């Protein structure tokens, strides 16, 4: 049983709600051996056609035209067996070979998630989700298999609760000479679930982080198959935004990814907070297996007697609904876990010891991450000084008395600006800076950025909001209902060029980007990507020190407890604030 200090339930509940919101607000954004049966002749294999032989069999994709540099697309390719029945919550199994030619002209289905998700400008409908969703997509403009183009593997965002790889297009990015790969991975408590029986099934005695295992399986598929699409298996860049960036930090920390990628790009997110552990209670969180038993009780009402067979027989939509019933089961903060294999320790500890993948890394965050959801923050916590104080206590109560000196509350406008900057710094600026500092423990360069372009959404009123970098990275400037002008296309070209240059060489400098130094703890160098487009130093360093102090206190003393059931009033408040999307 998880003990609750009733005097602090309200503050703890608000902490969970704010952690839950940070995951939810980005939800919009958010292998077996090759079959010899389908082996092509040497002459045929030199050119890339609509039909390609890969792991599992033959696929037929789309070719836009017959011209040089024509776009070729291959969608909905299975990279693992469907995680159904006994394979629910199991590590991804080898892909099941198919007979004939697989139609790869349209994407697969969404992984299981709420059909309507998000808040504000992020609200989206993702119909007909399925557990049979482990599919991969390839976009290429290569004509020959031996072109060895840089490969960029996109990991989608969505708070580890929603989204899909196919929501991002490779039409513009591939014009920069790269091969783009996107894919789906299991989400929510179907993708991140620990249970004592599930751990007993494992040869390593572990469970949890199934979604990260899917990501690793996708990277194995890329390594084995990408030459068929003109890509270089020895030049693979993983990149992601929000939960995709959280995933990049996890993959860089995992010993299971050795040799699977050669560069890493993290956009707005890294798992450097004090993490939960699979079978060990921490002062700030119960064990992940204990959370699994809480979910089991919600699902089948049998508590500790809920068998894994019974849980696997429960319809997937019920698992999603049960997890949504409490932020304790769906807050991003408690979804990834130290399982003992995918993540043998907290990610921050792995990086501190210099045990992360030693690859060139480019990371950063946006200047106004939470600008688009401030109304929700004030609705949940209340407005004015009282609301901001409640938010501060829930998010960083360890240093509550010191926050005011760095985030002033003199007027209503000042409060809102301080609130937005405080939330941004705690959840994004500090983790990205910690990630950059920890790269000093390995030999590869790291480049830190501050994204300050305002996407052409709602008269740019949300400034450089969370996810606002995606229209520029993928050249999809109509994202979020945007209405771009000529300058936006030029700005997107700069960003796509920097991203693809980094993927090619490990250095983003080049045309329109000059003087971007690699970050070190001594130079605190970063680059402003925006109208300023200039190098800078010492990004909010005094604020970073305060946040670091709070997180150190949390790890040493433990200051958070996790209630099993949220107070009814708080659940009603969350429902009211999310309006039509409770």
Protein backbone atom coordinates (compact mmCIF):
# COMPACT_ATOMS: atom_id res chain seq x y z
CA UNK A 1 0.00 0.00 0.00
CA UNK A 2 1.26 3.49 -0.82
CA UNK A 3 1.14 5.81 2.15
CA UNK A 4 -0.18 9.32 1.62
CA UNK A 5 0.54 12.36 3.72
CA UNK A 6 -2.97 13.82 3.72
CA UNK A 7 -1.64 17.29 4.57
CA UNK A 8 0.13 17.36 1.22
CA UNK A 9 -2.38 15.58 -1.01
CA UNK A 10 -3.50 18.75 -2.77
CA UNK A 11 0.06 19.87 -3.52
CA UNK A 12 1.03 16.35 -4.60
CA UNK A 13 -2.04 16.13 -6.81
CA UNK A 14 -1.16 19.43 -8.46
CA UNK A 15 2.38 18.22 -9.05
CA UNK A 16 1.00 15.13 -10.77
CA UNK A 17 -1.48 17.16 -12.79
CA UNK A 18 1.21 19.51 -14.00
CA UNK A 19 3.47 16.57 -14.87
CA UNK A 20 0.51 14.94 -16.61
CA UNK A 21 -0.21 18.13 -18.54
CA UNK A 22 3.37 18.39 -19.77
CA UNK A 23 2.96 14.94 -21.31
CA UNK A 24 -0.59 15.52 -22.56
CA UNK A 25 0.01 18.94 -24.10
CA UNK A 26 2.34 17.41 -26.67
CA UNK A 27 0.15 14.43 -27.56
CA UNK A 28 -0.84 15.94 -30.92
CA UNK A 29 2.79 16.16 -31.89
CA UNK A 30 3.32 15.39 -30.71
CA UNK A 31 13.76 -8.92 -36.90
CA UNK A 32 14.04 -12.08 -38.60
CA UNK A 33 16.53 -12.85 -41.38
CA UNK A 34 15.59 -11.84 -44.90
CA UNK A 35 13.75 -14.53 -46.80
CA UNK A 36 15.81 -16.02 -49.62
CA UNK A 37 12.54 -16.54 -51.47
CA UNK A 38 12.44 -12.86 -52.38
CA UNK A 39 16.11 -12.32 -53.21
CA UNK A 40 16.55 -10.14 -56.30
CA UNK A 41 19.26 -10.51 -58.96
CA UNK A 42 22.38 -8.34 -58.70
CA UNK A 43 21.38 -6.22 -61.69
CA UNK A 44 17.90 -5.62 -60.33
CA UNK A 45 19.20 -4.74 -56.87
CA UNK A 46 21.33 -1.84 -58.14
CA UNK A 47 18.34 0.35 -58.92
CA UNK A 48 15.65 1.20 -56.40
CA UNK A 49 12.19 0.43 -57.73
CA UNK A 50 8.70 0.35 -56.28
CA UNK A 51 9.31 -3.26 -55.28
CA UNK A 52 11.94 -3.93 -52.62
CA UNK A 53 12.93 -7.16 -50.89
CA UNK A 54 13.37 -6.67 -47.14
CA UNK A 55 13.19 -8.59 -43.88
CA UNK A 56 9.95 -10.54 -44.07
CA UNK A 57 9.36 -10.47 -47.82
CA UNK A 58 8.66 -8.28 -50.82
CA UNK A 59 6.98 -4.86 -50.57
CA UNK A 60 5.58 -2.48 -53.17
CA UNK A 61 5.69 1.24 -52.44
CA UNK A 62 5.07 4.49 -54.31
CA UNK A 63 7.28 6.36 -56.77
CA UNK A 64 6.15 9.89 -57.59
CA UNK A 65 7.63 9.93 -61.11
CA UNK A 66 10.50 8.52 -63.15
CA UNK A 67 12.72 11.58 -62.91
CA UNK A 68 16.07 11.76 -61.15
CA UNK A 69 15.59 12.55 -57.45
CA UNK A 70 12.00 11.28 -57.56
CA UNK A 71 10.42 10.63 -54.18
CA UNK A 72 9.94 6.99 -53.22
CA UNK A 73 7.73 6.07 -50.29
CA UNK A 74 7.24 2.75 -48.49
CA UNK A 75 4.70 2.74 -45.68
CA UNK A 76 3.22 0.41 -43.09
CA UNK A 77 6.07 -2.12 -43.18
CA UNK A 78 6.02 -4.54 -40.21
CA UNK A 79 9.28 -4.46 -38.27
CA UNK A 80 8.14 -6.84 -35.51
CA UNK A 81 5.35 -9.33 -34.88
CA UNK A 82 2.03 -7.81 -33.76
CA UNK A 83 2.14 -7.57 -29.93
CA UNK A 84 -1.15 -9.41 -29.46
CA UNK A 85 -2.30 -12.06 -27.00
CA UNK A 86 0.71 -13.59 -25.26
CA UNK A 87 2.92 -10.97 -26.92
CA UNK A 88 1.16 -8.08 -25.17
CA UNK A 89 3.80 -6.45 -22.95
CA UNK A 90 6.44 -8.89 -24.21
CA UNK A 91 9.63 -7.65 -25.90
CA UNK A 92 9.09 -7.20 -29.65
CA UNK A 93 9.20 -10.54 -31.47
CA UNK A 94 10.72 -11.10 -34.94
CA UNK A 95 8.59 -10.01 -37.87
CA UNK A 96 6.38 -12.73 -39.35
CA UNK A 97 7.25 -13.31 -43.05
CA UNK A 98 4.41 -12.79 -45.51
CA UNK A 99 3.55 -14.44 -48.81
CA UNK A 100 3.35 -12.50 -52.05
CA UNK A 101 3.93 -8.76 -52.20
CA UNK A 102 2.96 -6.53 -49.31
CA UNK A 103 1.17 -3.30 -50.22
CA UNK A 104 3.36 -0.54 -48.76
CA UNK A 105 1.52 2.41 -50.26
CA UNK A 106 -0.31 3.54 -47.10
CA UNK A 107 0.65 3.84 -43.47
CA UNK A 108 -0.31 1.36 -40.78
CA UNK A 109 -2.61 2.02 -37.84
CA UNK A 110 -2.02 4.14 -34.79
CA UNK A 111 -0.82 2.32 -31.71
CA UNK A 112 -3.46 2.13 -28.99
CA UNK A 113 -4.17 5.57 -27.52
CA UNK A 114 -7.17 7.76 -26.74
CA UNK A 115 -8.92 8.58 -30.00
CA UNK A 116 -9.25 12.26 -29.10
CA UNK A 117 -6.19 13.67 -27.41
CA UNK A 118 -4.44 16.90 -26.62
CA UNK A 119 -5.47 20.37 -25.51
CA UNK A 120 -5.79 23.75 -27.19
CA UNK A 121 -4.05 23.86 -30.56
CA UNK A 122 -2.82 20.31 -29.96
CA UNK A 123 -6.24 18.63 -29.98
CA UNK A 124 -6.41 15.89 -32.59
CA UNK A 125 -8.45 12.81 -33.43
CA UNK A 126 -6.60 9.56 -34.10
CA UNK A 127 -9.19 7.06 -35.20
CA UNK A 128 -9.11 3.30 -35.21
CA UNK A 129 -6.00 2.63 -33.08
CA UNK A 130 -4.78 -0.95 -32.73
CA UNK A 131 -2.26 -3.06 -30.87
CA UNK A 132 -1.18 -4.34 -34.29
CA UNK A 133 0.77 -1.17 -35.02
CA UNK A 134 4.50 -1.89 -35.11
CA UNK A 135 5.16 -0.58 -38.59
CA UNK A 136 7.87 1.52 -40.20
CA UNK A 137 7.92 4.02 -43.08
CA UNK A 138 10.76 4.96 -45.44
CA UNK A 139 11.08 8.11 -47.58
CA UNK A 140 13.97 8.27 -50.05
CA UNK A 141 15.07 10.03 -53.23
CA UNK A 142 18.01 7.69 -53.87
CA UNK A 143 18.06 5.95 -57.25
CA UNK A 144 20.70 3.31 -56.51
CA UNK A 145 21.18 1.09 -53.50
CA UNK A 146 24.87 2.03 -53.20
CA UNK A 147 24.35 5.78 -52.71
CA UNK A 148 24.92 5.56 -48.95
CA UNK A 149 22.84 8.59 -48.07
CA UNK A 150 22.70 9.72 -44.42
CA UNK A 151 19.76 8.13 -42.62
CA UNK A 152 17.56 10.07 -40.21
CA UNK A 153 15.29 7.99 -37.96
CA UNK A 154 12.44 10.03 -36.48
CA UNK A 155 10.94 9.17 -33.07
CA UNK A 156 7.57 10.85 -32.70
CA UNK A 157 6.39 12.79 -29.66
CA UNK A 158 3.13 12.63 -27.76
CA UNK A 159 4.02 12.25 -24.09
CA UNK A 160 4.69 8.50 -24.65
CA UNK A 161 0.89 8.35 -24.68
CA UNK A 162 -0.08 9.23 -28.26
CA UNK A 163 1.04 10.09 -31.77
CA UNK A 164 2.44 8.14 -34.72
CA UNK A 165 5.51 8.25 -36.90
CA UNK A 166 3.56 8.67 -40.11
CA UNK A 167 2.25 12.08 -39.01
CA UNK A 168 5.53 13.61 -40.19
CA UNK A 169 6.35 13.75 -43.91
CA UNK A 170 9.67 13.21 -45.63
CA UNK A 171 8.75 15.02 -48.80
CA UNK A 172 10.75 18.19 -48.00
CA UNK A 173 13.50 16.77 -45.78
CA UNK A 174 14.59 14.14 -48.32
CA UNK A 175 15.33 16.94 -50.82
CA UNK A 176 18.33 17.63 -48.58
CA UNK A 177 19.85 14.27 -49.55
CA UNK A 178 18.87 12.12 -46.57
CA UNK A 179 16.76 9.00 -46.21
CA UNK A 180 13.99 9.50 -43.63
CA UNK A 181 12.59 6.66 -41.53
CA UNK A 182 9.60 7.00 -39.20
CA UNK A 183 7.87 4.31 -37.13
CA UNK A 184 5.35 3.55 -34.41
CA UNK A 185 6.03 2.20 -30.93
CA UNK A 186 3.76 0.99 -28.12
CA UNK A 187 2.37 3.78 -25.96
CA UNK A 188 1.01 4.44 -22.49
CA UNK A 189 0.55 1.47 -20.21
CA UNK A 190 0.49 -0.90 -23.18
CA UNK A 191 4.02 0.24 -23.93
CA UNK A 192 5.37 0.96 -20.46
CA UNK A 193 4.11 -1.60 -17.94
CA UNK A 194 5.81 -3.60 -15.21
CA UNK A 195 4.25 -6.51 -13.35
CA UNK A 196 5.81 -9.24 -11.15
CA UNK A 197 4.57 -12.03 -13.44
CA UNK A 198 5.82 -10.20 -16.49
CA UNK A 199 9.26 -9.84 -14.90
CA UNK A 200 9.21 -13.57 -14.08
CA UNK A 201 8.70 -14.35 -17.79
CA UNK A 202 11.91 -12.54 -18.70
CA UNK A 203 15.28 -14.35 -18.72
CA UNK A 204 16.68 -11.17 -17.18
CA UNK A 205 13.86 -10.89 -14.63
CA UNK A 206 12.76 -7.49 -15.91
CA UNK A 207 9.70 -5.77 -17.36
CA UNK A 208 8.70 -2.29 -18.46
CA UNK A 209 9.92 0.09 -21.19
CA UNK A 210 8.36 -2.01 -23.97
CA UNK A 211 8.02 1.14 -26.08
CA UNK A 212 11.76 1.74 -25.89
CA UNK A 213 12.33 -1.89 -26.88
CA UNK A 214 10.15 -1.27 -29.95
CA UNK A 215 12.32 1.71 -30.83
CA UNK A 216 15.43 -0.48 -30.54
CA UNK A 217 13.81 -3.14 -32.74
CA UNK A 218 13.07 -0.46 -35.34
CA UNK A 219 16.74 0.57 -35.29
CA UNK A 220 17.76 -3.07 -35.87
CA UNK A 221 15.40 -3.13 -38.86
CA UNK A 222 16.99 0.04 -40.23
CA UNK A 223 20.49 -1.37 -39.78
CA UNK A 224 19.53 -4.54 -41.67
CA UNK A 225 17.44 -3.05 -44.47
CA UNK A 226 18.28 0.59 -45.16
CA UNK A 227 20.82 -0.13 -47.92
CA UNK A 228 17.87 -1.37 -50.04
CA UNK A 229 16.64 2.25 -50.01
CA UNK A 230 19.99 3.91 -50.72
CA UNK A 231 20.80 4.64 -47.08
CA UNK A 232 24.06 4.19 -45.20
CA UNK A 233 23.74 1.78 -42.26
CA UNK A 234 26.92 3.29 -40.83
CA UNK A 235 25.54 6.83 -40.76
CA UNK A 236 22.26 6.76 -38.83
CA UNK A 237 20.95 9.73 -36.85
CA UNK A 238 18.14 9.32 -34.35
CA UNK A 239 16.08 12.44 -33.72
CA UNK A 240 12.87 13.27 -31.92
CA UNK A 241 10.83 16.02 -30.32
CA UNK A 242 9.18 16.09 -26.89
CA UNK A 243 8.58 12.43 -25.95
CA UNK A 244 10.63 11.59 -29.04
CA UNK A 245 13.50 13.55 -27.52
CA UNK A 246 12.93 11.83 -24.17
CA UNK A 247 13.31 8.62 -26.15
CA UNK A 248 16.55 9.81 -27.76
CA UNK A 249 18.04 10.37 -24.30
CA UNK A 250 16.91 6.88 -23.25
CA UNK A 251 18.36 5.25 -26.37
CA UNK A 252 21.62 7.10 -25.90
CA UNK A 253 21.76 5.78 -22.33
CA UNK A 254 20.77 2.18 -23.12
CA UNK A 255 23.46 -0.49 -23.49
CA UNK A 256 21.14 -2.31 -25.93
CA UNK A 257 21.65 0.29 -28.69
CA UNK A 258 25.39 -0.10 -29.19
CA UNK A 259 26.28 0.44 -32.85
CA UNK A 260 22.70 1.13 -33.94
CA UNK A 261 23.08 4.90 -34.45
CA UNK A 262 25.90 7.36 -34.98
CA UNK A 263 24.42 10.77 -34.17
CA UNK A 264 21.61 12.03 -31.95
CA UNK A 265 19.31 15.06 -32.06
CA UNK A 266 17.05 15.89 -29.11
CA UNK A 267 14.38 18.56 -29.49
CA UNK A 268 12.70 19.75 -26.26
CA UNK A 269 13.01 16.92 -23.80
CA UNK A 270 15.31 14.61 -21.90
CA UNK A 271 14.67 12.07 -19.12
CA UNK A 272 17.03 13.51 -16.54
CA UNK A 273 14.55 13.82 -13.65
CA UNK A 274 14.64 11.40 -10.67
CA UNK A 275 13.12 8.25 -12.18
CA UNK A 276 10.97 5.43 -10.85
CA UNK A 277 12.52 1.96 -10.53
CA UNK A 278 10.96 -1.31 -11.59
CA UNK A 279 10.98 -3.10 -8.22
CA UNK A 280 12.26 -0.50 -5.79
CA UNK A 281 10.24 2.22 -4.09
CA UNK A 282 11.81 5.66 -4.11
CA UNK A 283 10.79 8.60 -1.92
CA UNK A 284 9.42 10.38 -4.99
CA UNK A 285 7.72 7.37 -6.61
CA UNK A 286 6.66 3.80 -5.86
CA UNK A 287 8.15 0.97 -7.91
CA UNK A 288 6.89 0.49 -11.44
CA UNK A 289 5.71 -3.02 -10.56
CA UNK A 290 3.62 -1.48 -7.78
CA UNK A 291 2.13 0.95 -10.29
CA UNK A 292 1.45 -2.06 -12.50
CA UNK A 293 -0.50 -3.69 -9.70
CA UNK A 294 -2.48 -0.47 -9.18
CA UNK A 295 -3.43 -0.55 -12.86
CA UNK A 296 -4.32 -4.23 -12.54
CA UNK A 297 -6.65 -3.43 -9.66
CA UNK A 298 -8.37 -0.73 -11.71
CA UNK A 299 -8.71 -3.13 -14.65
CA UNK A 300 -9.90 -6.35 -13.03
CA UNK A 301 -10.57 -5.45 -9.40
CA UNK A 302 -8.45 -8.27 -8.01
CA UNK A 303 -5.44 -6.32 -6.77
CA UNK A 304 -2.47 -8.53 -6.02
CA UNK A 305 -4.34 -11.59 -7.37
CA UNK A 306 -4.72 -10.15 -10.88
CA UNK A 307 -3.03 -12.70 -13.14
CA UNK A 308 -1.07 -11.70 -16.23
CA UNK A 309 -3.27 -13.98 -18.36
CA UNK A 310 -6.35 -12.12 -17.20
CA UNK A 311 -4.72 -8.76 -17.90
CA UNK A 312 -3.69 -9.88 -21.39
CA UNK A 313 -7.26 -10.93 -22.11
CA UNK A 314 -8.58 -7.48 -21.18
CA UNK A 315 -9.54 -5.40 -24.26
CA UNK A 316 -6.86 -2.86 -25.09
CA UNK A 317 -9.24 0.10 -24.95
CA UNK A 318 -9.98 -0.78 -21.32
CA UNK A 319 -6.27 -0.63 -20.51
CA UNK A 320 -6.13 2.84 -22.06
CA UNK A 321 -9.23 3.98 -20.15
CA UNK A 322 -7.92 2.59 -16.85
CA UNK A 323 -4.60 4.37 -17.26
CA UNK A 324 -6.41 7.61 -18.04
CA UNK A 325 -8.44 7.34 -14.84
CA UNK A 326 -5.64 8.81 -12.74
CA UNK A 327 -2.60 10.99 -13.46
CA UNK A 328 -0.77 8.56 -11.16
CA UNK A 329 -0.97 6.04 -14.00
CA UNK A 330 -0.54 8.35 -16.98
CA UNK A 331 1.79 11.17 -15.91
CA UNK A 332 4.84 11.20 -18.17
CA UNK A 333 7.07 11.47 -15.12
CA UNK A 334 6.19 7.90 -14.10
CA UNK A 335 6.01 6.11 -17.47
CA UNK A 336 9.70 5.34 -18.22
CA UNK A 337 11.41 3.32 -15.51
CA UNK A 338 14.78 1.93 -14.50
CA UNK A 339 13.98 -1.64 -15.52
CA UNK A 340 17.43 -3.19 -15.13
CA UNK A 341 18.12 -3.98 -18.79
CA UNK A 342 16.96 -1.34 -21.27
CA UNK A 343 17.86 1.21 -18.60
CA UNK A 344 20.13 -0.33 -15.95
CA UNK A 345 20.20 2.94 -13.98
CA UNK A 346 18.73 6.43 -14.04
CA UNK A 347 19.59 8.15 -17.30
CA UNK A 348 21.23 11.06 -15.48
CA UNK A 349 23.50 8.62 -13.63
CA UNK A 350 24.45 6.79 -16.84
CA UNK A 351 25.37 10.10 -18.48
CA UNK A 352 27.24 11.28 -15.36
CA UNK A 353 29.46 8.18 -15.57
CA UNK A 354 30.10 8.73 -19.29
CA UNK A 355 28.41 5.44 -20.22
CA UNK A 356 26.06 6.92 -22.82
CA UNK A 357 26.59 6.35 -26.55
CA UNK A 358 29.60 8.46 -27.50
CA UNK A 359 28.16 10.07 -30.63
CA UNK A 360 27.91 13.68 -31.86
CA UNK A 361 24.79 15.19 -30.31
CA UNK A 362 22.66 18.26 -31.06
CA UNK A 363 20.04 19.28 -28.51
CA UNK A 364 17.97 22.24 -27.42
CA UNK A 365 14.51 23.59 -26.73
CA UNK A 366 12.10 26.35 -27.72
CA UNK A 367 11.93 29.78 -26.14
CA UNK A 368 8.21 29.60 -25.22
CA UNK A 369 7.43 25.92 -24.74
CA UNK A 370 4.24 26.40 -22.69
CA UNK A 371 2.94 29.62 -24.21
CA UNK A 372 0.06 27.76 -25.88
CA UNK A 373 -1.19 26.08 -22.68
CA UNK A 374 -0.94 28.83 -20.06
CA UNK A 375 -4.74 29.04 -19.82
CA UNK A 376 -4.80 25.42 -18.73
CA UNK A 377 -2.10 25.99 -16.12
CA UNK A 378 -4.05 28.88 -14.60
CA UNK A 379 -7.32 26.93 -14.73
CA UNK A 380 -5.82 24.00 -12.82
CA UNK A 381 -3.81 25.99 -10.29
CA UNK A 382 -5.74 29.25 -10.08
CA UNK A 383 -4.63 32.63 -11.39
CA UNK A 384 -2.41 35.35 -9.98
CA UNK A 385 0.19 34.97 -7.26
CA UNK A 386 -1.71 32.19 -5.48
CA UNK A 387 -1.94 30.09 -8.61
CA UNK A 388 1.72 30.63 -9.49
CA UNK A 389 2.75 29.77 -5.93
CA UNK A 390 0.69 26.58 -6.07
CA UNK A 391 2.35 25.65 -9.36
CA UNK A 392 5.83 26.39 -7.97
CA UNK A 393 5.20 24.29 -4.89
CA UNK A 394 3.94 21.37 -6.95
CA UNK A 395 6.72 21.47 -9.51
CA UNK A 396 9.76 22.51 -7.47
CA UNK A 397 8.72 22.77 -3.84
CA UNK A 398 12.21 21.90 -2.59
CA UNK A 399 13.39 25.46 -3.32
CA UNK A 400 10.06 27.28 -3.14
CA UNK A 401 11.37 30.18 -1.03
CA UNK A 402 14.16 30.92 -3.52
CA UNK A 403 12.13 30.88 -6.74
CA UNK A 404 10.70 34.38 -6.35
CA UNK A 405 14.06 36.12 -6.67
CA UNK A 406 14.59 34.66 -10.17
CA UNK A 407 10.97 34.56 -11.32
CA UNK A 408 9.33 37.80 -10.08
CA UNK A 409 5.60 38.25 -9.41
CA UNK A 410 5.19 42.02 -9.43
CA UNK A 411 2.18 42.31 -11.75
CA UNK A 412 -0.30 40.03 -13.50
CA UNK A 413 1.68 40.27 -16.72
CA UNK A 414 4.96 39.63 -14.88
CA UNK A 415 3.42 36.62 -13.14
CA UNK A 416 2.34 35.04 -16.41
CA UNK A 417 5.74 35.62 -18.00
CA UNK A 418 7.58 34.24 -14.95
CA UNK A 419 5.21 31.29 -14.83
CA UNK A 420 5.79 30.44 -18.47
CA UNK A 421 9.57 30.80 -18.15
CA UNK A 422 9.68 28.81 -14.91
CA UNK A 423 7.76 25.89 -16.42
CA UNK A 424 9.92 26.02 -19.53
CA UNK A 425 13.15 26.09 -17.54
CA UNK A 426 12.26 23.21 -15.21
CA UNK A 427 10.86 20.92 -17.87
CA UNK A 428 13.00 21.75 -20.89
CA UNK A 429 15.85 24.27 -20.57
CA UNK A 430 17.43 22.58 -17.55
CA UNK A 431 17.25 18.97 -18.81
CA UNK A 432 18.74 19.99 -22.18
CA UNK A 433 21.54 21.89 -20.48
CA UNK A 434 22.19 18.95 -18.13
CA UNK A 435 22.33 16.66 -21.17
CA UNK A 436 24.84 19.00 -22.81
CA UNK A 437 27.01 19.22 -19.70
CA UNK A 438 27.03 15.43 -19.31
CA UNK A 439 28.45 15.04 -22.82
CA UNK A 440 31.73 16.37 -21.42
CA UNK A 441 32.13 12.86 -19.98
CA UNK A 442 32.61 11.43 -23.49
CA UNK A 443 34.69 12.56 -26.45
CA UNK A 444 32.00 13.56 -28.98
CA UNK A 445 30.91 17.15 -29.53
CA UNK A 446 27.52 18.40 -28.40
CA UNK A 447 25.75 21.43 -29.89
CA UNK A 448 23.14 23.25 -27.77
CA UNK A 449 20.49 25.49 -29.35
CA UNK A 450 17.70 27.88 -28.35
CA UNK A 451 14.87 27.86 -30.91
CA UNK A 452 13.19 31.24 -31.32
CA UNK A 453 11.28 31.20 -34.61
CA UNK A 454 7.58 31.99 -34.29
CA UNK A 455 5.55 29.58 -36.47
CA UNK A 456 2.80 31.19 -38.61
CA UNK A 457 0.01 30.00 -36.30
CA UNK A 458 -2.78 32.28 -35.02
CA UNK A 459 -0.88 35.45 -35.92
CA UNK A 460 2.19 33.97 -34.20
CA UNK A 461 0.67 34.73 -30.80
CA UNK A 462 2.14 31.61 -29.18
CA UNK A 463 5.67 32.61 -30.20
CA UNK A 464 8.15 29.68 -30.18
CA UNK A 465 5.73 27.23 -28.55
CA UNK A 466 6.17 23.53 -27.78
CA UNK A 467 6.29 21.70 -31.10
CA UNK A 468 6.75 24.96 -33.00
CA UNK A 469 10.08 23.67 -34.33
CA UNK A 470 8.43 20.78 -36.19
CA UNK A 471 7.06 22.83 -39.12
CA UNK A 472 10.61 24.04 -39.76
CA UNK A 473 12.40 20.70 -39.29
CA UNK A 474 10.09 18.91 -41.73
CA UNK A 475 9.20 21.84 -43.99
CA UNK A 476 5.52 21.35 -43.12
CA UNK A 477 4.68 24.99 -42.44
CA UNK A 478 0.92 24.43 -42.59
CA UNK A 479 1.14 22.32 -39.42
CA UNK A 480 -1.17 23.51 -36.60
CA UNK A 481 -3.19 25.34 -39.27
CA UNK A 482 -0.29 27.63 -40.13
CA UNK A 483 -0.42 30.21 -42.92
CA UNK A 484 3.20 30.67 -43.99
CA UNK A 485 4.68 33.56 -45.95
CA UNK A 486 7.83 33.59 -48.05
CA UNK A 487 10.20 34.25 -45.14
CA UNK A 488 8.91 31.15 -43.33
CA UNK A 489 9.99 28.93 -46.20
CA UNK A 490 13.48 30.45 -46.14
CA UNK A 491 13.68 29.91 -42.37
CA UNK A 492 12.54 26.30 -42.72
CA UNK A 493 15.20 25.75 -45.37
CA UNK A 494 17.86 26.98 -42.91
CA UNK A 495 16.66 24.60 -40.20
CA UNK A 496 16.38 21.60 -42.53
CA UNK A 497 19.85 22.34 -43.84
CA UNK A 498 21.33 22.51 -40.32
CA UNK A 499 19.60 19.28 -39.26
CA UNK A 500 20.68 17.35 -42.36
CA UNK A 501 24.24 18.75 -42.26
CA UNK A 502 24.51 17.48 -38.71
CA UNK A 503 23.15 14.10 -39.78
CA UNK A 504 25.73 13.97 -42.56
CA UNK A 505 28.82 15.22 -40.74
CA UNK A 506 28.11 15.67 -37.02
CA UNK A 507 28.42 19.46 -37.37
CA UNK A 508 25.46 21.82 -38.07
CA UNK A 509 27.59 24.74 -39.29
CA UNK A 510 27.39 25.79 -42.91
CA UNK A 511 25.39 28.14 -45.12
CA UNK A 512 23.31 30.53 -42.95
CA UNK A 513 24.60 28.91 -39.74
CA UNK A 514 28.04 30.14 -38.75
CA UNK A 515 29.92 30.27 -35.46
CA UNK A 516 27.94 27.58 -33.64
CA UNK A 517 30.52 26.30 -31.16
CA UNK A 518 30.23 22.95 -29.49
CA UNK A 519 29.10 23.25 -25.86
CA UNK A 520 31.42 22.63 -22.92
CA UNK A 521 30.78 23.25 -19.22
CA UNK A 522 33.45 25.95 -19.32
CA UNK A 523 32.16 27.90 -22.34
CA UNK A 524 28.37 27.37 -21.83
CA UNK A 525 28.02 28.03 -25.57
CA UNK A 526 24.74 27.73 -27.47
CA UNK A 527 23.23 29.02 -30.70
CA UNK A 528 20.04 31.03 -31.12
CA UNK A 529 18.05 29.65 -34.04
CA UNK A 530 15.69 32.45 -35.00
CA UNK A 531 15.69 35.95 -36.46
CA UNK A 532 18.81 36.61 -34.34
CA UNK A 533 20.56 33.49 -35.70
CA UNK A 534 23.69 34.04 -33.60
CA UNK A 535 25.99 32.33 -31.09
CA UNK A 536 25.53 33.09 -27.40
CA UNK A 537 26.70 31.95 -23.97
CA UNK A 538 25.40 31.27 -20.46
CA UNK A 539 21.75 30.46 -21.03
CA UNK A 540 19.86 31.29 -17.81
CA UNK A 541 22.69 29.80 -15.76
CA UNK A 542 21.55 31.19 -12.38
CA UNK A 543 18.11 29.66 -12.86
CA UNK A 544 19.71 26.38 -13.95
CA UNK A 545 21.65 26.28 -10.68
CA UNK A 546 18.45 26.65 -8.65
CA UNK A 547 16.71 23.82 -10.50
CA UNK A 548 19.75 21.61 -10.11
CA UNK A 549 19.73 22.27 -6.38
CA UNK A 550 16.07 21.20 -6.13
CA UNK A 551 16.59 17.98 -8.09
CA UNK A 552 19.64 17.10 -5.97
CA UNK A 553 17.55 17.57 -2.82
CA UNK A 554 14.82 15.36 -4.30
CA UNK A 555 17.25 12.54 -4.99
CA UNK A 556 18.91 12.72 -1.59
CA UNK A 557 15.94 13.40 0.67
CA UNK A 558 12.90 12.47 -1.38
CA UNK A 559 10.12 15.02 -1.33
CA UNK A 560 7.29 13.56 -3.40
CA UNK A 561 4.73 10.88 -2.63
CA UNK A 562 2.29 9.39 -5.10
CA UNK A 563 -1.37 8.93 -4.14
CA UNK A 564 -3.15 5.87 -5.53
CA UNK A 565 -6.33 7.85 -6.25
CA UNK A 566 -6.55 11.51 -7.12
CA UNK A 567 -8.96 13.60 -5.00
CA UNK A 568 -12.31 13.79 -6.78
CA UNK A 569 -12.26 17.57 -6.83
CA UNK A 570 -8.94 17.63 -8.65
CA UNK A 571 -10.17 15.12 -11.25
CA UNK A 572 -13.27 17.26 -11.82
CA UNK A 573 -11.09 20.35 -12.14
CA UNK A 574 -8.90 18.65 -14.74
CA UNK A 575 -12.00 17.58 -16.66
CA UNK A 576 -13.40 21.12 -16.60
CA UNK A 577 -10.13 22.67 -17.76
CA UNK A 578 -9.77 20.27 -20.65
CA UNK A 579 -13.30 21.08 -21.76
CA UNK A 580 -14.55 18.64 -24.38
CA UNK A 581 -11.50 16.41 -23.95
CA UNK A 582 -11.70 15.10 -20.36
